[in-house]
Amino acid sequence: MSEAQEKWMQEIMKAWPVAKGSIREVKKTCSRKGCKACASGENHSAWLFTYYVNGKQRCKHVPKNKVDLVKQALENGRKLEQLILKAGLSLLNS
C-alpha cells in the first residue's frame, strides 16, 4: 500500500459514524384526545432522517437522544465525500 493510500485510509477511519442524507425537525400532531399543544396548533417536535434508496426518498424517525449522533454522521459523510473526490482527482494528477 502506498503512503498516499495509507494516509487516505487513516482519514476515512476518523469519519465514523457516517451517513448520507439529511435531518430536519418537523412539527406533528399526536393521537391524544384533548392535547393542548395540538389544539393550540403548536404540535410536537419530531426529527426525521431523510435518505434515498434506489432513487426513492425514504424517511425514518430519529429519537431525540440520537439527533446529535445523526448530525455528526451526516457531517462525517460530507467529509468522506470530499475525500473520495480528492482521491479521484489525484488519479488524474499522477
PDB file of N, CA and C in Angstrom:
ATOM      1  N   MET A   1       0.841  -1.167   0.000  1.00  0.00           N
ATOM      2  CA  MET A   1       0.000   0.000   0.000  1.00  0.00           C
ATOM      3  C   MET A   1       0.892   1.238   0.000  1.00  0.00           C
ATOM      4  N   SER A   2       0.560   2.196  -0.837  1.00  0.00           N
ATOM      5  CA  SER A   2       1.375   3.410  -0.928  1.00  0.00           C
ATOM      6  C   SER A   2       1.131   4.311   0.283  1.00  0.00           C
ATOM      7  N   GLU A   3       2.016   5.270   0.435  1.00  0.00           N
ATOM      8  CA  GLU A   3       1.895   6.223   1.542  1.00  0.00           C
ATOM      9  C   GLU A   3       0.596   7.026   1.417  1.00  0.00           C
ATOM     10  N   ALA A   4       0.252   7.402   0.192  1.00  0.00           N
ATOM     11  CA  ALA A   4      -0.982   8.164  -0.040  1.00  0.00           C
ATOM     12  C   ALA A   4      -2.207   7.326   0.329  1.00  0.00           C
ATOM     13  N   GLN A   5      -2.179   6.038  -0.010  1.00  0.00           N
ATOM     14  CA  GLN A   5      -3.303   5.160   0.338  1.00  0.00           C
ATOM     15  C   GLN A   5      -3.426   5.001   1.855  1.00  0.00           C
ATOM     16  N   GLU A   6      -2.304   4.863   2.516  1.00  0.00           N
ATOM     17  CA  GLU A   6      -2.331   4.723   3.976  1.00  0.00           C
ATOM     18  C   GLU A   6      -2.890   5.981   4.629  1.00  0.00           C
ATOM     19  N   LYS A   7      -2.480   7.143   4.140  1.00  0.00           N
ATOM     20  CA  LYS A   7      -2.976   8.411   4.674  1.00  0.00           C
ATOM     21  C   LYS A   7      -4.485   8.513   4.451  1.00  0.00           C
ATOM     22  N   TRP A   8      -4.935   8.123   3.271  1.00  0.00           N
ATOM     23  CA  TRP A   8      -6.366   8.173   2.945  1.00  0.00           C
ATOM     24  C   TRP A   8      -7.149   7.240   3.864  1.00  0.00           C
ATOM     25  N   MET A   9      -6.628   6.049   4.086  1.00  0.00           N
ATOM     26  CA  MET A   9      -7.299   5.094   4.974  1.00  0.00           C
ATOM     27  C   MET A   9      -7.398   5.641   6.396  1.00  0.00           C
ATOM     28  N   GLN A  10      -6.360   6.307   6.860  1.00  0.00           N
ATOM     29  CA  GLN A  10      -6.394   6.898   8.193  1.00  0.00           C
ATOM     30  C   GLN A  10      -7.459   7.980   8.278  1.00  0.00           C
ATOM     31  N   GLU A  11      -7.602   8.762   7.222  1.00  0.00           N
ATOM     32  CA  GLU A  11      -8.611   9.822   7.203  1.00  0.00           C
ATOM     33  C   GLU A  11     -10.029   9.246   7.234  1.00  0.00           C
ATOM     34  N   ILE A  12     -10.273   8.187   6.472  1.00  0.00           N
ATOM     35  CA  ILE A  12     -11.636   7.645   6.470  1.00  0.00           C
ATOM     36  C   ILE A  12     -11.961   6.920   7.771  1.00  0.00           C
ATOM     37  N   MET A  13     -10.946   6.430   8.459  1.00  0.00           N
ATOM     38  CA  MET A  13     -11.186   5.785   9.754  1.00  0.00           C
ATOM     39  C   MET A  13     -11.712   6.806  10.770  1.00  0.00           C
ATOM     40  N   LYS A  14     -11.325   8.063  10.604  1.00  0.00           N
ATOM     41  CA  LYS A  14     -11.774   9.124  11.507  1.00  0.00           C
ATOM     42  C   LYS A  14     -13.226   9.517  11.242  1.00  0.00           C
ATOM     43  N   ALA A  15     -13.744   9.143  10.105  1.00  0.00           N
ATOM     44  CA  ALA A  15     -15.077   9.575   9.680  1.00  0.00           C
ATOM     45  C   ALA A  15     -16.168   8.612  10.144  1.00  0.00           C
ATOM     46  N   TRP A  16     -16.106   8.171  11.367  1.00  0.00           N
ATOM     47  CA  TRP A  16     -17.162   7.301  11.900  1.00  0.00           C
ATOM     48  C   TRP A  16     -17.795   7.984  13.082  1.00  0.00           C
ATOM     49  N   PRO A  17     -19.075   7.995  13.225  1.00  0.00           N
ATOM     50  CA  PRO A  17     -20.094   7.382  12.389  1.00  0.00           C
ATOM     51  C   PRO A  17     -20.280   8.176  11.096  1.00  0.00           C
ATOM     52  N   VAL A  18     -20.841   7.527  10.102  1.00  0.00           N
ATOM     53  CA  VAL A  18     -21.018   8.170   8.802  1.00  0.00           C
ATOM     54  C   VAL A  18     -22.416   7.888   8.257  1.00  0.00           C
ATOM     55  N   ALA A  19     -22.986   8.891   7.581  1.00  0.00           N
ATOM     56  CA  ALA A  19     -24.301   8.734   6.967  1.00  0.00           C
ATOM     57  C   ALA A  19     -24.413   9.698   5.798  1.00  0.00           C
ATOM     58  N   LYS A  20     -25.342   9.406   4.913  1.00  0.00           N
ATOM     59  CA  LYS A  20     -25.639  10.295   3.788  1.00  0.00           C
ATOM     60  C   LYS A  20     -27.136  10.531   3.796  1.00  0.00           C
ATOM     61  N   GLY A  21     -27.518  11.776   3.741  1.00  0.00           N
ATOM     62  CA  GLY A  21     -28.921  12.148   3.764  1.00  0.00           C
ATOM     63  C   GLY A  21     -29.058  13.506   4.416  1.00  0.00           C
ATOM     64  N   SER A  22     -30.179  13.722   5.100  1.00  0.00           N
ATOM     65  CA  SER A  22     -30.392  14.980   5.804  1.00  0.00           C
ATOM     66  C   SER A  22     -31.263  14.721   7.027  1.00  0.00           C
ATOM     67  N   ILE A  23     -31.232  15.676   7.935  1.00  0.00           N
ATOM     68  CA  ILE A  23     -32.056  15.587   9.132  1.00  0.00           C
ATOM     69  C   ILE A  23     -32.790  16.913   9.280  1.00  0.00           C
ATOM     70  N   ARG A  24     -34.034  16.824   9.708  1.00  0.00           N
ATOM     71  CA  ARG A  24     -34.796  18.057   9.905  1.00  0.00           C
ATOM     72  C   ARG A  24     -35.802  17.865  11.025  1.00  0.00           C
ATOM     73  N   GLU A  25     -36.124  18.976  11.635  1.00  0.00           N
ATOM     74  CA  GLU A  25     -37.130  18.970  12.690  1.00  0.00           C
ATOM     75  C   GLU A  25     -38.481  19.307  12.069  1.00  0.00           C
ATOM     76  N   VAL A  26     -39.488  18.558  12.433  1.00  0.00           N
ATOM     77  CA  VAL A  26     -40.844  18.799  11.948  1.00  0.00           C
ATOM     78  C   VAL A  26     -41.783  18.912  13.146  1.00  0.00           C
ATOM     79  N   LYS A  27     -42.954  19.461  12.909  1.00  0.00           N
ATOM     80  CA  LYS A  27     -43.993  19.554  13.938  1.00  0.00           C
ATOM     81  C   LYS A  27     -45.109  18.603  13.536  1.00  0.00           C
ATOM     82  N   LYS A  28     -45.508  17.739  14.474  1.00  0.00           N
ATOM     83  CA  LYS A  28     -46.524  16.728  14.184  1.00  0.00           C
ATOM     84  C   LYS A  28     -47.614  16.761  15.255  1.00  0.00           C
ATOM     85  N   THR A  29     -48.799  16.342  14.852  1.00  0.00           N
ATOM     86  CA  THR A  29     -49.874  16.181  15.820  1.00  0.00           C
ATOM     87  C   THR A  29     -49.770  14.794  16.442  1.00  0.00           C
ATOM     88  N   CYS A  30     -50.367  14.663  17.617  1.00  0.00           N
ATOM     89  CA  CYS A  30     -50.347  13.359  18.272  1.00  0.00           C
ATOM     90  C   CYS A  30     -51.756  12.770  18.248  1.00  0.00           C
ATOM     91  N   SER A  31     -51.905  11.609  18.806  1.00  0.00           N
ATOM     92  CA  SER A  31     -53.206  10.923  18.782  1.00  0.00           C
ATOM     93  C   SER A  31     -53.976  11.097  20.095  1.00  0.00           C
ATOM     94  N   ARG A  32     -53.422  11.842  21.029  1.00  0.00           N
ATOM     95  CA  ARG A  32     -54.110  12.019  22.314  1.00  0.00           C
ATOM     96  C   ARG A  32     -55.271  12.992  22.173  1.00  0.00           C
ATOM     97  N   LYS A  33     -56.417  12.600  22.655  1.00  0.00           N
ATOM     98  CA  LYS A  33     -57.578  13.486  22.641  1.00  0.00           C
ATOM     99  C   LYS A  33     -57.364  14.585  23.668  1.00  0.00           C
ATOM    100  N   GLY A  34     -57.679  15.808  23.277  1.00  0.00           N
ATOM    101  CA  GLY A  34     -57.578  16.925  24.191  1.00  0.00           C
ATOM    102  C   GLY A  34     -56.166  17.429  24.435  1.00  0.00           C
ATOM    103  N   CYS A  35     -55.225  17.078  23.574  1.00  0.00           N
ATOM    104  CA  CYS A  35     -53.842  17.543  23.727  1.00  0.00           C
ATOM    105  C   CYS A  35     -53.809  19.056  23.526  1.00  0.00           C
ATOM    106  N   LYS A  36     -53.343  19.776  24.539  1.00  0.00           N
ATOM    107  CA  LYS A  36     -53.335  21.242  24.482  1.00  0.00           C
ATOM    108  C   LYS A  36     -52.380  21.757  23.411  1.00  0.00           C
ATOM    109  N   ALA A  37     -51.233  21.111  23.259  1.00  0.00           N
ATOM    110  CA  ALA A  37     -50.260  21.555  22.249  1.00  0.00           C
ATOM    111  C   ALA A  37     -50.844  21.428  20.845  1.00  0.00           C
ATOM    112  N   CYS A  38     -51.504  20.318  20.570  1.00  0.00           N
ATOM    113  CA  CYS A  38     -52.082  20.108  19.240  1.00  0.00           C
ATOM    114  C   CYS A  38     -53.277  21.038  19.016  1.00  0.00           C
ATOM    115  N   ALA A  39     -54.080  21.228  20.040  1.00  0.00           N
ATOM    116  CA  ALA A  39     -55.253  22.101  19.930  1.00  0.00           C
ATOM    117  C   ALA A  39     -54.841  23.544  19.667  1.00  0.00           C
ATOM    118  N   SER A  40     -53.704  23.966  20.231  1.00  0.00           N
ATOM    119  CA  SER A  40     -53.230  25.337  20.028  1.00  0.00           C
ATOM    120  C   SER A  40     -52.534  25.514  18.684  1.00  0.00           C
ATOM    121  N   GLY A  41     -52.265  24.405  17.998  1.00  0.00           N
ATOM    122  CA  GLY A  41     -51.554  24.465  16.719  1.00  0.00           C
ATOM    123  C   GLY A  41     -50.050  24.377  16.869  1.00  0.00           C
ATOM    124  N   GLU A  42     -49.567  24.300  18.112  1.00  0.00           N
ATOM    125  CA  GLU A  42     -48.127  24.218  18.370  1.00  0.00           C
ATOM    126  C   GLU A  42     -47.562  22.865  17.941  1.00  0.00           C
ATOM    127  N   ASN A  43     -48.331  21.804  18.187  1.00  0.00           N
ATOM    128  CA  ASN A  43     -47.939  20.432  17.862  1.00  0.00           C
ATOM    129  C   ASN A  43     -46.687  19.994  18.608  1.00  0.00           C
ATOM    130  N   HIS A  44     -46.091  18.914  18.189  1.00  0.00           N
ATOM    131  CA  HIS A  44     -44.941  18.322  18.878  1.00  0.00           C
ATOM    132  C   HIS A  44     -43.756  18.226  17.933  1.00  0.00           C
ATOM    133  N   SER A  45     -42.567  18.471  18.474  1.00  0.00           N
ATOM    134  CA  SER A  45     -41.353  18.376  17.666  1.00  0.00           C
ATOM    135  C   SER A  45     -40.997  16.912  17.427  1.00  0.00           C
ATOM    136  N   ALA A  46     -40.528  16.647  16.231  1.00  0.00           N
ATOM    137  CA  ALA A  46     -40.014  15.325  15.881  1.00  0.00           C
ATOM    138  C   ALA A  46     -38.876  15.546  14.889  1.00  0.00           C
ATOM    139  N   TRP A  47     -37.954  14.606  14.840  1.00  0.00           N
ATOM    140  CA  TRP A  47     -36.816  14.685  13.926  1.00  0.00           C
ATOM    141  C   TRP A  47     -36.916  13.561  12.902  1.00  0.00           C
ATOM    142  N   LEU A  48     -36.649  13.914  11.629  1.00  0.00           N
ATOM    143  CA  LEU A  48     -36.690  12.936  10.544  1.00  0.00           C
ATOM    144  C   LEU A  48     -35.347  12.885   9.830  1.00  0.00           C
ATOM    145  N   PHE A  49     -34.883  11.679   9.583  1.00  0.00           N
ATOM    146  CA  PHE A  49     -33.696  11.430   8.766  1.00  0.00           C
ATOM    147  C   PHE A  49     -34.220  11.052   7.390  1.00  0.00           C
ATOM    148  N   THR A  50     -33.829  11.812   6.375  1.00  0.00           N
ATOM    149  CA  THR A  50     -34.294  11.587   5.008  1.00  0.00           C
ATOM    150  C   THR A  50     -33.118  11.101   4.165  1.00  0.00           C
ATOM    151  N   TYR A  51     -33.355  10.077   3.358  1.00  0.00           N
ATOM    152  CA  TYR A  51     -32.304   9.476   2.541  1.00  0.00           C
ATOM    153  C   TYR A  51     -32.948   8.863   1.297  1.00  0.00           C
ATOM    154  N   TYR A  52     -32.130   8.424   0.359  1.00  0.00           N
ATOM    155  CA  TYR A  52     -32.625   7.826  -0.884  1.00  0.00           C
ATOM    156  C   TYR A  52     -32.148   6.379  -1.002  1.00  0.00           C
ATOM    157  N   VAL A  53     -33.042   5.514  -1.472  1.00  0.00           N
ATOM    158  CA  VAL A  53     -32.729   4.123  -1.779  1.00  0.00           C
ATOM    159  C   VAL A  53     -33.254   3.852  -3.178  1.00  0.00           C
ATOM    160  N   ASN A  54     -32.354   3.510  -4.092  1.00  0.00           N
ATOM    161  CA  ASN A  54     -32.727   3.242  -5.489  1.00  0.00           C
ATOM    162  C   ASN A  54     -33.570   4.364  -6.070  1.00  0.00           C
ATOM    163  N   GLY A  55     -33.170   5.609  -5.797  1.00  0.00           N
ATOM    164  CA  GLY A  55     -33.851   6.772  -6.353  1.00  0.00           C
ATOM    165  C   GLY A  55     -35.143   7.159  -5.653  1.00  0.00           C
ATOM    166  N   LYS A  56     -35.536   6.424  -4.627  1.00  0.00           N
ATOM    167  CA  LYS A  56     -36.769   6.734  -3.911  1.00  0.00           C
ATOM    168  C   LYS A  56     -36.438   7.329  -2.543  1.00  0.00           C
ATOM    169  N   GLN A  57     -37.112   8.424  -2.233  1.00  0.00           N
ATOM    170  CA  GLN A  57     -36.881   9.080  -0.955  1.00  0.00           C
ATOM    171  C   GLN A  57     -37.531   8.297   0.180  1.00  0.00           C
ATOM    172  N   ARG A  58     -36.804   8.154   1.253  1.00  0.00           N
ATOM    173  CA  ARG A  58     -37.282   7.455   2.453  1.00  0.00           C
ATOM    174  C   ARG A  58     -37.023   8.347   3.655  1.00  0.00           C
ATOM    175  N   CYS A  59     -37.804   8.160   4.708  1.00  0.00           N
ATOM    176  CA  CYS A  59     -37.631   8.904   5.956  1.00  0.00           C
ATOM    177  C   CYS A  59     -37.729   7.945   7.123  1.00  0.00           C
ATOM    178  N   LYS A  60     -36.963   8.250   8.161  1.00  0.00           N
ATOM    179  CA  LYS A  60     -37.040   7.486   9.404  1.00  0.00           C
ATOM    180  C   LYS A  60     -37.071   8.479  10.556  1.00  0.00           C
ATOM    181  N   HIS A  61     -37.851   8.141  11.559  1.00  0.00           N
ATOM    182  CA  HIS A  61     -37.894   8.946  12.767  1.00  0.00           C
ATOM    183  C   HIS A  61     -36.570   8.804  13.503  1.00  0.00           C
ATOM    184  N   VAL A  62     -36.081   9.914  14.046  1.00  0.00           N
ATOM    185  CA  VAL A  62     -34.846   9.903  14.826  1.00  0.00           C
ATOM    186  C   VAL A  62     -35.205  10.191  16.285  1.00  0.00           C
ATOM    187  N   PRO A  63     -34.938   9.266  17.183  1.00  0.00           N
ATOM    188  CA  PRO A  63     -35.197   9.542  18.600  1.00  0.00           C
ATOM    189  C   PRO A  63     -34.382  10.757  19.056  1.00  0.00           C
ATOM    190  N   LYS A  64     -34.939  11.532  19.969  1.00  0.00           N
ATOM    191  CA  LYS A  64     -34.280  12.754  20.441  1.00  0.00           C
ATOM    192  C   LYS A  64     -32.849  12.507  20.906  1.00  0.00           C
ATOM    193  N   ASN A  65     -32.632  11.385  21.563  1.00  0.00           N
ATOM    194  CA  ASN A  65     -31.287  11.108  22.093  1.00  0.00           C
ATOM    195  C   ASN A  65     -30.286  10.723  21.002  1.00  0.00           C
ATOM    196  N   LYS A  66     -30.729  10.565  19.760  1.00  0.00           N
ATOM    197  CA  LYS A  66     -29.823  10.205  18.659  1.00  0.00           C
ATOM    198  C   LYS A  66     -29.621  11.349  17.662  1.00  0.00           C
ATOM    199  N   VAL A  67     -30.281  12.491  17.881  1.00  0.00           N
ATOM    200  CA  VAL A  67     -30.198  13.604  16.929  1.00  0.00           C
ATOM    201  C   VAL A  67     -28.759  14.066  16.742  1.00  0.00           C
ATOM    202  N   ASP A  68     -28.036  14.294  17.829  1.00  0.00           N
ATOM    203  CA  ASP A  68     -26.652  14.765  17.711  1.00  0.00           C
ATOM    204  C   ASP A  68     -25.757  13.733  17.014  1.00  0.00           C
ATOM    205  N   LEU A  69     -25.986  12.463  17.283  1.00  0.00           N
ATOM    206  CA  LEU A  69     -25.217  11.403  16.635  1.00  0.00           C
ATOM    207  C   LEU A  69     -25.458  11.396  15.123  1.00  0.00           C
ATOM    208  N   VAL A  70     -26.714  11.536  14.717  1.00  0.00           N
ATOM    209  CA  VAL A  70     -27.038  11.558  13.282  1.00  0.00           C
ATOM    210  C   VAL A  70     -26.451  12.803  12.622  1.00  0.00           C
ATOM    211  N   LYS A  71     -26.525  13.945  13.306  1.00  0.00           N
ATOM    212  CA  LYS A  71     -25.927  15.170  12.748  1.00  0.00           C
ATOM    213  C   LYS A  71     -24.424  14.986  12.536  1.00  0.00           C
ATOM    214  N   GLN A  72     -23.744  14.371  13.505  1.00  0.00           N
ATOM    215  CA  GLN A  72     -22.304  14.119  13.371  1.00  0.00           C
ATOM    216  C   GLN A  72     -22.023  13.151  12.222  1.00  0.00           C
ATOM    217  N   ALA A  73     -22.846  12.123  12.087  1.00  0.00           N
ATOM    218  CA  ALA A  73     -22.677  11.159  10.996  1.00  0.00           C
ATOM    219  C   ALA A  73     -22.852  11.830   9.638  1.00  0.00           C
ATOM    220  N   LEU A  74     -23.796  12.749   9.534  1.00  0.00           N
ATOM    221  CA  LEU A  74     -24.015  13.464   8.271  1.00  0.00           C
ATOM    222  C   LEU A  74     -22.829  14.372   7.946  1.00  0.00           C
ATOM    223  N   GLU A  75     -22.303  15.047   8.948  1.00  0.00           N
ATOM    224  CA  GLU A  75     -21.117  15.886   8.746  1.00  0.00           C
ATOM    225  C   GLU A  75     -19.936  15.024   8.303  1.00  0.00           C
ATOM    226  N   ASN A  76     -19.745  13.883   8.945  1.00  0.00           N
ATOM    227  CA  ASN A  76     -18.682  12.965   8.543  1.00  0.00           C
ATOM    228  C   ASN A  76     -18.903  12.451   7.128  1.00  0.00           C
ATOM    229  N   GLY A  77     -20.155  12.226   6.763  1.00  0.00           N
ATOM    230  CA  GLY A  77     -20.472  11.777   5.405  1.00  0.00           C
ATOM    231  C   GLY A  77     -20.049  12.798   4.366  1.00  0.00           C
ATOM    232  N   ARG A  78     -20.276  14.089   4.673  1.00  0.00           N
ATOM    233  CA  ARG A  78     -19.854  15.152   3.745  1.00  0.00           C
ATOM    234  C   ARG A  78     -18.326  15.188   3.633  1.00  0.00           C
ATOM    235  N   LYS A  79     -17.641  14.998   4.765  1.00  0.00           N
ATOM    236  CA  LYS A  79     -16.168  14.960   4.737  1.00  0.00           C
ATOM    237  C   LYS A  79     -15.669  13.772   3.917  1.00  0.00           C
ATOM    238  N   LEU A  80     -16.326  12.638   4.068  1.00  0.00           N
ATOM    239  CA  LEU A  80     -15.938  11.441   3.320  1.00  0.00           C
ATOM    240  C   LEU A  80     -16.145  11.637   1.819  1.00  0.00           C
ATOM    241  N   GLU A  81     -17.240  12.286   1.437  1.00  0.00           N
ATOM    242  CA  GLU A  81     -17.460  12.573   0.018  1.00  0.00           C
ATOM    243  C   GLU A  81     -16.341  13.444  -0.545  1.00  0.00           C
ATOM    244  N   GLN A  82     -15.861  14.413   0.253  1.00  0.00           N
ATOM    245  CA  GLN A  82     -14.753  15.255  -0.189  1.00  0.00           C
ATOM    246  C   GLN A  82     -13.467  14.441  -0.344  1.00  0.00           C
ATOM    247  N   LEU A  83     -13.233  13.512   0.582  1.00  0.00           N
ATOM    248  CA  LEU A  83     -12.056  12.649   0.468  1.00  0.00           C
ATOM    249  C   LEU A  83     -12.119  11.794  -0.794  1.00  0.00           C
ATOM    250  N   ILE A  84     -13.295  11.290  -1.103  1.00  0.00           N
ATOM    251  CA  ILE A  84     -13.469  10.476  -2.313  1.00  0.00           C
ATOM    252  C   ILE A  84     -13.217  11.324  -3.556  1.00  0.00           C
ATOM    253  N   LEU A  85     -13.724  12.554  -3.564  1.00  0.00           N
ATOM    254  CA  LEU A  85     -13.498  13.456  -4.690  1.00  0.00           C
ATOM    255  C   LEU A  85     -12.004  13.730  -4.867  1.00  0.00           C
ATOM    256  N   LYS A  86     -11.319  14.044  -3.777  1.00  0.00           N
ATOM    257  CA  LYS A  86      -9.874  14.292  -3.842  1.00  0.00           C
ATOM    258  C   LYS A  86      -9.116  13.080  -4.377  1.00  0.00           C
ATOM    259  N   ALA A  87      -9.527  11.895  -3.941  1.00  0.00           N
ATOM    260  CA  ALA A  87      -8.863  10.667  -4.400  1.00  0.00           C
ATOM    261  C   ALA A  87      -9.038  10.498  -5.909  1.00  0.00           C
ATOM    262  N   GLY A  88     -10.242  10.763  -6.391  1.00  0.00           N
ATOM    263  CA  GLY A  88     -10.489  10.669  -7.833  1.00  0.00           C
ATOM    264  C   GLY A  88      -9.676  11.669  -8.622  1.00  0.00           C
ATOM    265  N   LEU A  89      -9.608  12.895  -8.120  1.00  0.00           N
ATOM    266  CA  LEU A  89      -8.834  13.924  -8.810  1.00  0.00           C
ATOM    267  C   LEU A  89      -7.349  13.605  -8.788  1.00  0.00           C
ATOM    268  N   SER A  90      -6.869  12.997  -7.700  1.00  0.00           N
ATOM    269  CA  SER A  90      -5.450  12.669  -7.627  1.00  0.00           C
ATOM    270  C   SER A  90      -5.057  11.630  -8.670  1.00  0.00           C
ATOM    271  N   LEU A  91      -5.997  10.809  -9.093  1.00  0.00           N
ATOM    272  CA  LEU A  91      -5.703   9.819 -10.149  1.00  0.00           C
ATOM    273  C   LEU A  91      -5.342  10.519 -11.454  1.00  0.00           C
ATOM    274  N   LEU A  92      -5.921  11.680 -11.679  1.00  0.00           N
ATOM    275  CA  LEU A  92      -5.660  12.427 -12.907  1.00  0.00           C
ATOM    276  C   LEU A  92      -4.359  13.213 -12.839  1.00  0.00           C
ATOM    277  N   ASN A  93      -3.911  13.484 -11.614  1.00  0.00           N
ATOM    278  CA  ASN A  93      -2.688  14.288 -11.430  1.00  0.00           C
ATOM    279  C   ASN A  93      -1.443  13.428 -11.306  1.00  0.00           C
ATOM    280  N   SER A  94      -1.588  12.125 -11.267  1.00  0.00           N
ATOM    281  CA  SER A  94      -0.386  11.295 -11.077  1.00  0.00           C
ATOM    282  C   SER A  94       0.047  10.651 -12.361  1.00  0.00           C
TER     283      SER A  94
END
